[in-house]
Amino acid sequence: MDSDHTGIESVNRITESDRMNVMSFEYLYNGAGVGIADLNNDGKQDIIFTGNQVATRAYLNEGNLKSEQRSKLVESINIAKHITCQQQN
């Protein structure tokens, strides 16, 4: 689906250097991770994208395949390098 419809747009932009390149960091272009979790306890699964050199982006699920970017929701959580989601009942 098009990002104009879903509201989701994420790009893992990489700037290579002598120290940061695919030869010294094999998984550089894989990104840091994608998490699916209900971040705001509304019963809908939300999405978090993390990247190696880009800011973390969180998208709240509004239903009907639409989301709203709410990255400030996760700014205080240090998940810039990886993400793990776990459900607590």
C-alpha atoms as a PDB file:
ATOM      1  CA  MET A   1       0.000   0.000   0.000  1.00  0.00           C
ATOM      2  CA  ASP A   2       1.096   3.546  -0.694  1.00  0.00           C
ATOM      3  CA  SER A   3       2.490   5.619   2.187  1.00  0.00           C
ATOM      4  CA  ASP A   4      -0.020   8.371   1.325  1.00  0.00           C
ATOM      5  CA  HIS A   5      -2.776   5.949   2.353  1.00  0.00           C
ATOM      6  CA  THR A   6      -1.116   4.203   5.307  1.00  0.00           C
ATOM      7  CA  GLY A   7       0.764   7.185   6.752  1.00  0.00           C
ATOM      8  CA  ILE A   8       3.828   4.951   7.201  1.00  0.00           C
ATOM      9  CA  GLU A   9       7.132   5.991   5.694  1.00  0.00           C
ATOM     10  CA  SER A  10      10.489   4.776   6.917  1.00  0.00           C
ATOM     11  CA  VAL A  11      13.893   4.681   5.229  1.00  0.00           C
ATOM     12  CA  ASN A  12      17.052   3.243   6.766  1.00  0.00           C
ATOM     13  CA  ARG A  13      19.518   5.742   5.260  1.00  0.00           C
ATOM     14  CA  ILE A  14      23.147   4.743   5.656  1.00  0.00           C
ATOM     15  CA  THR A  15      26.197   6.983   5.312  1.00  0.00           C
ATOM     16  CA  GLU A  16      29.253   4.819   4.908  1.00  0.00           C
ATOM     17  CA  SER A  17      32.676   5.792   6.236  1.00  0.00           C
ATOM     18  CA  ASP A  18      36.033   4.134   6.823  1.00  0.00           C
ATOM     19  CA  ARG A  19      34.766   2.851  10.179  1.00  0.00           C
ATOM     20  CA  MET A  20      31.127   2.246   9.259  1.00  0.00           C
ATOM     21  CA  ASN A  21      30.810   0.088   6.154  1.00  0.00           C
ATOM     22  CA  VAL A  22      29.556  -3.341   5.148  1.00  0.00           C
ATOM     23  CA  MET A  23      33.069  -4.806   5.441  1.00  0.00           C
ATOM     24  CA  SER A  24      33.397  -3.859   9.121  1.00  0.00           C
ATOM     25  CA  PHE A  25      29.709  -4.170  10.034  1.00  0.00           C
ATOM     26  CA  GLU A  26      28.188  -7.031   8.063  1.00  0.00           C
ATOM     27  CA  TYR A  27      24.552  -6.239   8.861  1.00  0.00           C
ATOM     28  CA  LEU A  28      24.786  -2.487   8.260  1.00  0.00           C
ATOM     29  CA  TYR A  29      22.041  -2.404   5.629  1.00  0.00           C
ATOM     30  CA  ASN A  30      19.637  -4.698   7.504  1.00  0.00           C
ATOM     31  CA  GLY A  31      18.463  -1.906   9.793  1.00  0.00           C
ATOM     32  CA  ALA A  32      18.115  -2.165  13.526  1.00  0.00           C
ATOM     33  CA  GLY A  33      14.649  -3.669  13.672  1.00  0.00           C
ATOM     34  CA  VAL A  34      10.900  -3.392  13.390  1.00  0.00           C
ATOM     35  CA  GLY A  35       8.598  -3.924  16.329  1.00  0.00           C
ATOM     36  CA  ILE A  36       4.865  -4.534  16.417  1.00  0.00           C
ATOM     37  CA  ALA A  37       3.140  -3.836  19.736  1.00  0.00           C
ATOM     38  CA  ASP A  38       0.151  -2.055  21.244  1.00  0.00           C
ATOM     39  CA  LEU A  39       2.039   1.047  22.403  1.00  0.00           C
ATOM     40  CA  ASN A  40      -0.945   3.035  23.676  1.00  0.00           C
ATOM     41  CA  ASN A  41      -3.159   0.217  25.007  1.00  0.00           C
ATOM     42  CA  ASP A  42      -5.994   0.805  22.527  1.00  0.00           C
ATOM     43  CA  GLY A  43      -6.113  -2.823  21.377  1.00  0.00           C
ATOM     44  CA  LYS A  44      -4.492  -2.085  17.994  1.00  0.00           C
ATOM     45  CA  GLN A  45      -1.006  -3.202  16.944  1.00  0.00           C
ATOM     46  CA  ASP A  46       1.328  -0.236  16.379  1.00  0.00           C
ATOM     47  CA  ILE A  47       4.674  -0.207  14.531  1.00  0.00           C
ATOM     48  CA  ILE A  48       8.156   0.951  15.585  1.00  0.00           C
ATOM     49  CA  PHE A  49      10.997   1.240  13.045  1.00  0.00           C
ATOM     50  CA  THR A  50      14.579   1.602  14.245  1.00  0.00           C
ATOM     51  CA  GLY A  51      17.645   2.209  12.098  1.00  0.00           C
ATOM     52  CA  ASN A  52      21.381   2.171  12.445  1.00  0.00           C
ATOM     53  CA  GLN A  53      21.840   5.875  11.648  1.00  0.00           C
ATOM     54  CA  VAL A  54      18.295   7.290  11.581  1.00  0.00           C
ATOM     55  CA  ALA A  55      15.850   8.300  14.281  1.00  0.00           C
ATOM     56  CA  THR A  56      13.368   5.791  15.659  1.00  0.00           C
ATOM     57  CA  ARG A  57       9.857   6.194  14.241  1.00  0.00           C
ATOM     58  CA  ALA A  58       6.664   5.021  15.889  1.00  0.00           C
ATOM     59  CA  TYR A  59       3.327   4.796  14.108  1.00  0.00           C
ATOM     60  CA  LEU A  60       0.046   4.423  15.999  1.00  0.00           C
ATOM     61  CA  ASN A  61      -2.542   2.249  14.293  1.00  0.00           C
ATOM     62  CA  GLU A  62      -5.707   4.253  13.590  1.00  0.00           C
ATOM     63  CA  GLY A  63      -7.533   1.331  11.941  1.00  0.00           C
ATOM     64  CA  ASN A  64      -8.485   0.836   8.277  1.00  0.00           C
ATOM     65  CA  LEU A  65      -4.775   0.406   7.391  1.00  0.00           C
ATOM     66  CA  LYS A  66      -3.969   3.979   8.458  1.00  0.00           C
ATOM     67  CA  SER A  67      -1.375   5.092  10.994  1.00  0.00           C
ATOM     68  CA  GLU A  68      -0.164   8.334  12.526  1.00  0.00           C
ATOM     69  CA  GLN A  69       3.500   9.032  13.235  1.00  0.00           C
ATOM     70  CA  ARG A  70       3.984   9.546  16.967  1.00  0.00           C
ATOM     71  CA  SER A  71       7.725   9.158  17.423  1.00  0.00           C
ATOM     72  CA  LYS A  72       7.789  11.320  20.572  1.00  0.00           C
ATOM     73  CA  LEU A  73       5.972   8.418  22.239  1.00  0.00           C
ATOM     74  CA  VAL A  74       9.191   6.368  22.167  1.00  0.00           C
ATOM     75  CA  GLU A  75      11.863   9.098  22.367  1.00  0.00           C
ATOM     76  CA  SER A  76      12.482   8.476  26.062  1.00  0.00           C
ATOM     77  CA  ILE A  77      13.109   4.772  25.430  1.00  0.00           C
ATOM     78  CA  ASN A  78      16.657   3.939  24.328  1.00  0.00           C
ATOM     79  CA  ILE A  79      15.906   1.634  21.392  1.00  0.00           C
ATOM     80  CA  ALA A  80      18.022   3.339  18.757  1.00  0.00           C
ATOM     81  CA  LYS A  81      20.157   0.258  18.070  1.00  0.00           C
ATOM     82  CA  HIS A  82      17.654  -2.594  18.399  1.00  0.00           C
ATOM     83  CA  ILE A  83      14.117  -3.371  19.435  1.00  0.00           C
ATOM     84  CA  THR A  84      12.448  -6.133  21.391  1.00  0.00           C
ATOM     85  CA  CYS A  85       8.708  -6.280  22.014  1.00  0.00           C
ATOM     86  CA  GLN A  86       7.165  -8.455  24.682  1.00  0.00           C
ATOM     87  CA  GLN A  87       3.515  -8.726  25.659  1.00  0.00           C
ATOM     88  CA  GLN A  88       2.698  -8.590  29.339  1.00  0.00           C
ATOM     89  CA  ASN A  89      -0.690  -9.932  30.444  1.00  0.00           C
END
